[in-house]
Each structure stands twice: as C-alpha cells, then as structure tokens.
C-alpha atoms as a PDB file:
ATOM      1  CA  UNK A   1       7.904 -14.900  -3.308  1.00  0.00           C
ATOM      2  CA  UNK A   2       5.696 -11.821  -2.994  1.00  0.00           C
ATOM      3  CA  UNK A   3       3.727 -10.032  -0.308  1.00  0.00           C
ATOM      4  CA  UNK A   4       0.376  -8.832  -1.620  1.00  0.00           C
ATOM      5  CA  UNK A   5      -1.094  -5.920   0.331  1.00  0.00           C
ATOM      6  CA  UNK A   6      -4.888  -5.625   0.305  1.00  0.00           C
ATOM      7  CA  UNK A   7      -7.221  -2.935   1.636  1.00  0.00           C
ATOM      8  CA  UNK A   8      -8.714  -3.811   4.997  1.00  0.00           C
ATOM      9  CA  UNK A   9     -11.498  -1.191   4.797  1.00  0.00           C
ATOM     10  CA  UNK A  10     -13.243   1.084   2.311  1.00  0.00           C
ATOM     11  CA  UNK A  11     -11.011   4.158   2.009  1.00  0.00           C
ATOM     12  CA  UNK A  12      -9.600   6.853  -0.273  1.00  0.00           C
ATOM     13  CA  UNK A  13      -5.917   6.927  -1.242  1.00  0.00           C
ATOM     14  CA  UNK A  14      -4.577  10.330  -0.148  1.00  0.00           C
ATOM     15  CA  UNK A  15      -0.825   9.756  -0.533  1.00  0.00           C
ATOM     16  CA  UNK A  16       1.556   7.376  -2.276  1.00  0.00           C
ATOM     17  CA  UNK A  17       4.621   7.218  -0.038  1.00  0.00           C
ATOM     18  CA  UNK A  18       6.786   5.045  -2.305  1.00  0.00           C
ATOM     19  CA  UNK A  19       6.827   4.426  -6.038  1.00  0.00           C
ATOM     20  CA  UNK A  20       7.318   1.225  -7.993  1.00  0.00           C
ATOM     21  CA  UNK A  21      10.887  -0.037  -7.779  1.00  0.00           C
ATOM     22  CA  UNK A  22      11.477   1.391  -4.281  1.00  0.00           C
ATOM     23  CA  UNK A  23      13.365  -0.770  -1.798  1.00  0.00           C
ATOM     24  CA  UNK A  24      11.405  -1.198   1.426  1.00  0.00           C
ATOM     25  CA  UNK A  25      12.249  -2.305   4.955  1.00  0.00           C
ATOM     26  CA  UNK A  26       9.705  -4.153   7.089  1.00  0.00           C
ATOM     27  CA  UNK A  27       7.277  -1.595   8.511  1.00  0.00           C
ATOM     28  CA  UNK A  28       7.823   1.079   5.831  1.00  0.00           C
ATOM     29  CA  UNK A  29       4.764   3.034   4.694  1.00  0.00           C
ATOM     30  CA  UNK A  30       3.625   2.419   1.121  1.00  0.00           C
ATOM     31  CA  UNK A  31       0.364   4.390   1.065  1.00  0.00           C
ATOM     32  CA  UNK A  32      -1.750   6.643   3.227  1.00  0.00           C
ATOM     33  CA  UNK A  33      -5.497   6.013   3.218  1.00  0.00           C
ATOM     34  CA  UNK A  34      -8.345   8.102   4.623  1.00  0.00           C
ATOM     35  CA  UNK A  35     -11.545   6.622   5.979  1.00  0.00           C
ATOM     36  CA  UNK A  36     -14.124   8.369   8.150  1.00  0.00           C
ATOM     37  CA  UNK A  37     -11.741  11.358   8.536  1.00  0.00           C
ATOM     38  CA  UNK A  38      -8.975   9.110   9.921  1.00  0.00           C
ATOM     39  CA  UNK A  39      -5.611   8.701   8.209  1.00  0.00           C
ATOM     40  CA  UNK A  40      -4.454   5.098   7.985  1.00  0.00           C
ATOM     41  CA  UNK A  41      -0.893   4.246   6.923  1.00  0.00           C
ATOM     42  CA  UNK A  42      -0.473   1.068   4.866  1.00  0.00           C
ATOM     43  CA  UNK A  43       2.735  -0.625   5.978  1.00  0.00           C
ATOM     44  CA  UNK A  44       4.719  -3.471   4.486  1.00  0.00           C
ATOM     45  CA  UNK A  45       5.128  -6.543   6.653  1.00  0.00           C
ATOM     46  CA  UNK A  46       8.445  -7.578   5.161  1.00  0.00           C
ATOM     47  CA  UNK A  47      11.496  -6.134   3.424  1.00  0.00           C
ATOM     48  CA  UNK A  48      11.597  -6.192  -0.368  1.00  0.00           C
ATOM     49  CA  UNK A  49      11.051  -4.152  -3.520  1.00  0.00           C
ATOM     50  CA  UNK A  50       7.747  -2.513  -4.468  1.00  0.00           C
ATOM     51  CA  UNK A  51       7.083  -4.241  -7.781  1.00  0.00           C
ATOM     52  CA  UNK A  52       3.497  -3.157  -8.429  1.00  0.00           C
ATOM     53  CA  UNK A  53       1.359  -0.308  -7.161  1.00  0.00           C
ATOM     54  CA  UNK A  54      -2.281  -0.980  -8.043  1.00  0.00           C
ATOM     55  CA  UNK A  55      -3.752   2.361  -6.905  1.00  0.00           C
ATOM     56  CA  UNK A  56      -3.083   6.083  -7.140  1.00  0.00           C
ATOM     57  CA  UNK A  57      -3.954   9.246  -5.245  1.00  0.00           C
ATOM     58  CA  UNK A  58      -7.693   9.877  -5.303  1.00  0.00           C
ATOM     59  CA  UNK A  59      -8.680   6.242  -5.875  1.00  0.00           C
ATOM     60  CA  UNK A  60     -11.375   4.797  -3.632  1.00  0.00           C
ATOM     61  CA  UNK A  61     -10.638   1.223  -2.596  1.00  0.00           C
ATOM     62  CA  UNK A  62     -12.980  -1.441  -1.292  1.00  0.00           C
ATOM     63  CA  UNK A  63     -12.218  -4.022   1.367  1.00  0.00           C
ATOM     64  CA  UNK A  64     -10.055  -6.736  -0.203  1.00  0.00           C
ATOM     65  CA  UNK A  65      -8.814  -4.664  -3.166  1.00  0.00           C
ATOM     66  CA  UNK A  66      -5.179  -5.181  -4.126  1.00  0.00           C
ATOM     67  CA  UNK A  67      -3.081  -2.124  -3.198  1.00  0.00           C
ATOM     68  CA  UNK A  68       0.511  -3.210  -3.831  1.00  0.00           C
ATOM     69  CA  UNK A  69       2.829  -6.149  -4.401  1.00  0.00           C
ATOM     70  CA  UNK A  70       6.210  -6.399  -2.644  1.00  0.00           C
ATOM     71  CA  UNK A  71       8.775  -8.767  -4.161  1.00  0.00           C
ATOM     72  CA  UNK A  72      10.640 -10.477  -1.336  1.00  0.00           C
ATOM     73  CA  UNK A  73      14.204 -11.683  -2.025  1.00  0.00           C
END
C-alpha cells in the first residue's frame, strides 16, 4: 500500500526535508513549498518509507501534481 502526496495549490518547492529511502513518522515534513510568499510544509499522513520523490528544489508544481510516494508497511 502507498500514500501518494499531491500538491494542493500552485507553488514552488523551496526545500526537500527528506530524501528517498527515509523512514517517516505520521506528520513528518517531506517538502516545503512557497506560494504567495507563504511557506507551506507538506506533511505525510501516515508512517512509512519515502519511496519516490517526484520534485526537487526550484520546481514549480501545479494543483494535483504528484509530489511524493510513501510506502506504508
């Protein structure tokens, strides 16, 4: 089973908090986005391992874009 994290708004990726392969607890930050001069942390909803990071620093994402995939044990 996997949790797929999608962008909720148009934003720019300003920080990658965790890399692929990182173990995550529910509520851990994966990315930090910026939109309209506001910083928005992207948090995981469940514990697991970050198996795929679809974006990098400087990328601009659109609403609905895939950001990351968390493999849930």
